[in-house]
Amino acid sequence: MPTAALFRFVALAEAASWIGLLTGMFFKHVTDTTELGVKVFGPLHGAIFVAYIAVAWFTSRKLAWDRRATLWAFVCSVPPLATVLFERWALRTGKLDPVALRRRF
């Protein structure tokens, strides 16, 4: 799988796991009905979060991101669904386009 496609996949998976975790937290804390969602999506989100950080670092090296873009990729891993915003920005600005990378050098 190409680097940009892998990054996009993991960024979207990280956001989806946030949705699952937030839904599980709603049912656990607001409705007091079940902990199952948190027990399932908590570890899943944690694993995907670590994968996102690793893939973001790898992608930043492979596609020659500057420090600012790399820092924003890491910062966007914390707020819910921000990885999607970063992924869209990176796609729009050519950060995920290997052809644009070749044109820069």
N, C-alpha and C. Protein backbone atom coordinates (compact mmCIF):
# COMPACT_ATOMS: atom_id res chain seq x y z
N MET A 1 0.85 -1.18 0.00
CA MET A 1 0.00 0.00 0.00
C MET A 1 0.90 1.24 0.00
N PRO A 2 0.64 2.20 -0.89
CA PRO A 2 1.44 3.42 -0.91
C PRO A 2 1.34 4.19 0.41
N THR A 3 2.37 4.95 0.70
CA THR A 3 2.46 5.67 1.97
C THR A 3 1.26 6.58 2.20
N ALA A 4 0.89 7.37 1.21
CA ALA A 4 -0.22 8.30 1.37
C ALA A 4 -1.53 7.57 1.62
N ALA A 5 -1.75 6.48 0.92
CA ALA A 5 -2.98 5.70 1.11
C ALA A 5 -3.02 5.09 2.50
N LEU A 6 -1.90 4.60 2.97
CA LEU A 6 -1.83 4.04 4.33
C LEU A 6 -2.14 5.12 5.36
N PHE A 7 -1.54 6.30 5.19
CA PHE A 7 -1.81 7.38 6.13
C PHE A 7 -3.29 7.74 6.13
N ARG A 8 -3.88 7.88 4.96
CA ARG A 8 -5.30 8.24 4.87
C ARG A 8 -6.18 7.18 5.53
N PHE A 9 -5.87 5.91 5.31
CA PHE A 9 -6.64 4.83 5.91
C PHE A 9 -6.56 4.88 7.44
N VAL A 10 -5.35 5.03 7.98
CA VAL A 10 -5.18 5.04 9.44
C VAL A 10 -5.80 6.30 10.04
N ALA A 11 -5.71 7.44 9.36
CA ALA A 11 -6.33 8.67 9.86
C ALA A 11 -7.85 8.52 9.96
N LEU A 12 -8.45 7.92 8.96
CA LEU A 12 -9.90 7.70 8.99
C LEU A 12 -10.28 6.64 10.02
N ALA A 13 -9.47 5.62 10.17
CA ALA A 13 -9.73 4.59 11.19
C ALA A 13 -9.64 5.18 12.59
N GLU A 14 -8.68 6.09 12.80
CA GLU A 14 -8.53 6.72 14.11
C GLU A 14 -9.77 7.55 14.43
N ALA A 15 -10.29 8.26 13.46
CA ALA A 15 -11.50 9.05 13.67
C ALA A 15 -12.70 8.15 13.94
N ALA A 16 -12.81 7.06 13.20
CA ALA A 16 -13.92 6.13 13.40
C ALA A 16 -13.85 5.49 14.79
N SER A 17 -12.65 5.18 15.25
CA SER A 17 -12.53 4.60 16.59
C SER A 17 -12.89 5.63 17.66
N TRP A 18 -12.64 6.92 17.39
CA TRP A 18 -13.07 7.97 18.31
C TRP A 18 -14.60 7.96 18.41
N ILE A 19 -15.26 7.85 17.28
CA ILE A 19 -16.73 7.83 17.28
C ILE A 19 -17.24 6.65 18.12
N GLY A 20 -16.64 5.48 17.92
CA GLY A 20 -17.03 4.31 18.71
C GLY A 20 -16.78 4.51 20.20
N LEU A 21 -15.64 5.07 20.54
CA LEU A 21 -15.32 5.29 21.95
C LEU A 21 -16.25 6.33 22.56
N LEU A 22 -16.51 7.41 21.87
CA LEU A 22 -17.42 8.43 22.39
C LEU A 22 -18.84 7.89 22.56
N THR A 23 -19.27 7.06 21.63
CA THR A 23 -20.58 6.43 21.76
C THR A 23 -20.61 5.51 22.97
N GLY A 24 -19.56 4.72 23.15
CA GLY A 24 -19.47 3.84 24.32
C GLY A 24 -19.46 4.62 25.61
N MET A 25 -18.74 5.76 25.63
CA MET A 25 -18.70 6.59 26.84
C MET A 25 -20.07 7.20 27.13
N PHE A 26 -20.80 7.57 26.09
CA PHE A 26 -22.15 8.09 26.28
C PHE A 26 -23.03 7.05 26.98
N PHE A 27 -23.01 5.82 26.46
CA PHE A 27 -23.85 4.78 27.06
C PHE A 27 -23.39 4.42 28.47
N LYS A 28 -22.12 4.50 28.72
CA LYS A 28 -21.61 4.16 30.05
C LYS A 28 -21.95 5.25 31.07
N HIS A 29 -21.69 6.49 30.73
CA HIS A 29 -21.80 7.56 31.71
C HIS A 29 -23.13 8.30 31.72
N VAL A 30 -23.80 8.40 30.59
CA VAL A 30 -25.05 9.14 30.54
C VAL A 30 -26.25 8.24 30.80
N THR A 31 -26.29 7.11 30.15
CA THR A 31 -27.44 6.22 30.32
C THR A 31 -27.23 5.16 31.39
N ASP A 32 -25.98 4.99 31.83
CA ASP A 32 -25.65 3.96 32.83
C ASP A 32 -26.17 2.58 32.45
N THR A 33 -26.14 2.26 31.16
CA THR A 33 -26.68 0.97 30.74
C THR A 33 -25.61 -0.10 30.56
N THR A 34 -24.47 0.26 29.97
CA THR A 34 -23.48 -0.76 29.69
C THR A 34 -22.08 -0.17 29.58
N GLU A 35 -21.08 -0.98 29.89
CA GLU A 35 -19.68 -0.60 29.71
C GLU A 35 -19.08 -1.26 28.47
N LEU A 36 -19.86 -2.05 27.78
CA LEU A 36 -19.34 -2.84 26.67
C LEU A 36 -18.67 -1.99 25.60
N GLY A 37 -19.27 -0.86 25.24
CA GLY A 37 -18.69 -0.01 24.21
C GLY A 37 -17.31 0.50 24.58
N VAL A 38 -17.14 0.88 25.85
CA VAL A 38 -15.84 1.37 26.30
C VAL A 38 -14.84 0.23 26.37
N LYS A 39 -15.28 -0.94 26.80
CA LYS A 39 -14.38 -2.09 26.87
C LYS A 39 -13.91 -2.54 25.49
N VAL A 40 -14.75 -2.37 24.50
CA VAL A 40 -14.38 -2.76 23.13
C VAL A 40 -13.58 -1.66 22.44
N PHE A 41 -14.14 -0.43 22.44
CA PHE A 41 -13.52 0.65 21.68
C PHE A 41 -12.36 1.32 22.38
N GLY A 42 -12.25 1.19 23.69
CA GLY A 42 -11.11 1.78 24.40
C GLY A 42 -9.78 1.20 23.92
N PRO A 43 -9.59 -0.11 24.05
CA PRO A 43 -8.34 -0.69 23.55
C PRO A 43 -8.16 -0.57 22.04
N LEU A 44 -9.26 -0.67 21.30
CA LEU A 44 -9.19 -0.54 19.85
C LEU A 44 -8.71 0.87 19.47
N HIS A 45 -9.29 1.87 20.09
CA HIS A 45 -8.88 3.25 19.82
C HIS A 45 -7.42 3.46 20.22
N GLY A 46 -7.02 2.91 21.36
CA GLY A 46 -5.62 3.04 21.79
C GLY A 46 -4.65 2.46 20.79
N ALA A 47 -4.97 1.29 20.27
CA ALA A 47 -4.09 0.65 19.28
C ALA A 47 -4.03 1.46 17.98
N ILE A 48 -5.18 1.94 17.53
CA ILE A 48 -5.21 2.72 16.30
C ILE A 48 -4.53 4.07 16.49
N PHE A 49 -4.64 4.65 17.69
CA PHE A 49 -3.95 5.90 18.01
C PHE A 49 -2.43 5.72 17.88
N VAL A 50 -1.91 4.64 18.45
CA VAL A 50 -0.47 4.36 18.36
C VAL A 50 -0.08 4.13 16.90
N ALA A 51 -0.92 3.41 16.17
CA ALA A 51 -0.64 3.18 14.74
C ALA A 51 -0.63 4.50 13.98
N TYR A 52 -1.56 5.39 14.29
CA TYR A 52 -1.61 6.69 13.61
C TYR A 52 -0.32 7.47 13.86
N ILE A 53 0.14 7.51 15.10
CA ILE A 53 1.38 8.24 15.42
C ILE A 53 2.55 7.65 14.62
N ALA A 54 2.64 6.32 14.60
CA ALA A 54 3.74 5.66 13.88
C ALA A 54 3.65 5.93 12.38
N VAL A 55 2.46 5.81 11.83
CA VAL A 55 2.28 6.03 10.38
C VAL A 55 2.49 7.50 10.03
N ALA A 56 2.07 8.40 10.90
CA ALA A 56 2.29 9.83 10.66
C ALA A 56 3.79 10.14 10.64
N TRP A 57 4.53 9.55 11.57
CA TRP A 57 5.98 9.77 11.59
C TRP A 57 6.63 9.20 10.32
N PHE A 58 6.25 7.98 9.97
CA PHE A 58 6.79 7.34 8.77
C PHE A 58 6.45 8.16 7.52
N THR A 59 5.21 8.60 7.43
CA THR A 59 4.76 9.38 6.27
C THR A 59 5.50 10.71 6.20
N SER A 60 5.69 11.34 7.35
CA SER A 60 6.39 12.63 7.34
C SER A 60 7.82 12.49 6.85
N ARG A 61 8.46 11.38 7.16
CA ARG A 61 9.83 11.14 6.68
C ARG A 61 9.82 10.78 5.19
N LYS A 62 8.91 9.90 4.83
CA LYS A 62 8.88 9.40 3.45
C LYS A 62 8.48 10.48 2.44
N LEU A 63 7.52 11.35 2.82
CA LEU A 63 7.03 12.38 1.91
C LEU A 63 7.63 13.75 2.21
N ALA A 64 8.64 13.79 3.03
CA ALA A 64 9.42 15.01 3.32
C ALA A 64 8.57 16.16 3.82
N TRP A 65 7.72 15.89 4.82
CA TRP A 65 6.95 16.96 5.42
C TRP A 65 7.88 17.85 6.22
N ASP A 66 7.56 19.11 6.32
CA ASP A 66 8.32 20.00 7.19
C ASP A 66 7.91 19.76 8.65
N ARG A 67 8.63 20.36 9.55
CA ARG A 67 8.36 20.13 10.99
C ARG A 67 6.97 20.59 11.39
N ARG A 68 6.53 21.68 10.79
CA ARG A 68 5.21 22.21 11.13
C ARG A 68 4.10 21.21 10.76
N ALA A 69 4.16 20.66 9.58
CA ALA A 69 3.14 19.69 9.15
C ALA A 69 3.19 18.44 10.02
N THR A 70 4.39 18.00 10.35
CA THR A 70 4.53 16.82 11.21
C THR A 70 3.96 17.10 12.59
N LEU A 71 4.26 18.26 13.15
CA LEU A 71 3.73 18.62 14.46
C LEU A 71 2.21 18.67 14.44
N TRP A 72 1.64 19.27 13.38
CA TRP A 72 0.18 19.32 13.28
C TRP A 72 -0.44 17.93 13.14
N ALA A 73 0.24 17.04 12.45
CA ALA A 73 -0.27 15.66 12.36
C ALA A 73 -0.36 15.04 13.75
N PHE A 74 0.67 15.27 14.58
CA PHE A 74 0.66 14.73 15.94
C PHE A 74 -0.38 15.43 16.81
N VAL A 75 -0.48 16.75 16.72
CA VAL A 75 -1.45 17.49 17.53
C VAL A 75 -2.88 17.06 17.18
N CYS A 76 -3.12 16.83 15.90
CA CYS A 76 -4.47 16.44 15.46
C CYS A 76 -4.85 15.02 15.88
N SER A 77 -3.91 14.28 16.44
CA SER A 77 -4.26 12.94 16.91
C SER A 77 -5.00 12.97 18.24
N VAL A 78 -4.99 14.12 18.92
CA VAL A 78 -5.59 14.19 20.25
C VAL A 78 -7.07 14.56 20.23
N PRO A 79 -7.50 15.67 19.59
CA PRO A 79 -8.93 15.98 19.60
C PRO A 79 -9.73 14.99 18.75
N PRO A 80 -10.94 14.69 19.16
CA PRO A 80 -11.76 13.77 18.37
C PRO A 80 -11.96 14.26 16.93
N LEU A 81 -11.75 13.38 15.99
CA LEU A 81 -11.99 13.56 14.56
C LEU A 81 -11.05 14.55 13.88
N ALA A 82 -10.06 15.07 14.58
CA ALA A 82 -9.14 16.04 13.99
C ALA A 82 -8.21 15.39 12.96
N THR A 83 -8.01 14.08 13.05
CA THR A 83 -7.15 13.42 12.07
C THR A 83 -7.77 13.52 10.67
N VAL A 84 -9.09 13.54 10.60
CA VAL A 84 -9.76 13.69 9.30
C VAL A 84 -9.51 15.09 8.76
N LEU A 85 -9.58 16.09 9.62
CA LEU A 85 -9.32 17.46 9.18
C LEU A 85 -7.88 17.59 8.68
N PHE A 86 -6.93 17.00 9.41
CA PHE A 86 -5.54 17.07 8.97
C PHE A 86 -5.36 16.32 7.66
N GLU A 87 -5.97 15.16 7.54
CA GLU A 87 -5.84 14.37 6.31
C GLU A 87 -6.38 15.15 5.11
N ARG A 88 -7.52 15.81 5.28
CA ARG A 88 -8.10 16.61 4.19
C ARG A 88 -7.18 17.78 3.83
N TRP A 89 -6.63 18.45 4.86
CA TRP A 89 -5.71 19.56 4.62
C TRP A 89 -4.46 19.07 3.89
N ALA A 90 -3.89 17.96 4.36
CA ALA A 90 -2.67 17.42 3.76
C ALA A 90 -2.91 17.02 2.31
N LEU A 91 -4.07 16.48 2.03
CA LEU A 91 -4.41 16.10 0.65
C LEU A 91 -4.56 17.35 -0.23
N ARG A 92 -5.27 18.35 0.29
CA ARG A 92 -5.51 19.58 -0.47
C ARG A 92 -4.22 20.36 -0.75
N THR A 93 -3.28 20.33 0.19
CA THR A 93 -2.04 21.11 0.04
C THR A 93 -0.92 20.32 -0.63
N GLY A 94 -1.18 19.09 -1.01
CA GLY A 94 -0.18 18.29 -1.71
C GLY A 94 0.78 17.54 -0.80
N LYS A 95 0.54 17.56 0.49
CA LYS A 95 1.43 16.86 1.43
C LYS A 95 1.32 15.33 1.26
N LEU A 96 0.22 14.87 0.71
CA LEU A 96 0.04 13.42 0.50
C LEU A 96 0.15 13.03 -0.96
N ASP A 97 0.76 13.88 -1.74
CA ASP A 97 0.89 13.63 -3.17
C ASP A 97 2.36 13.42 -3.53
N PRO A 98 2.79 12.18 -3.76
CA PRO A 98 4.18 11.93 -4.11
C PRO A 98 4.62 12.64 -5.40
N VAL A 99 3.69 12.88 -6.31
CA VAL A 99 4.03 13.57 -7.55
C VAL A 99 4.38 15.02 -7.24
N ALA A 100 3.62 15.66 -6.36
CA ALA A 100 3.94 17.03 -5.96
C ALA A 100 5.29 17.09 -5.25
N LEU A 101 5.61 16.04 -4.51
CA LEU A 101 6.90 15.98 -3.83
C LEU A 101 8.04 15.99 -4.85
N ARG A 102 7.88 15.24 -5.92
CA ARG A 102 8.91 15.19 -6.94
C ARG A 102 9.07 16.56 -7.63
N ARG A 103 7.97 17.30 -7.77
CA ARG A 103 8.03 18.60 -8.40
C ARG A 103 8.76 19.63 -7.52
N ARG A 104 8.74 19.44 -6.20
CA ARG A 104 9.38 20.38 -5.29
C ARG A 104 10.89 20.31 -5.37
N PHE A 105 11.42 19.15 -5.71
CA PHE A 105 12.88 18.98 -5.70
C PHE A 105 13.47 18.98 -7.07
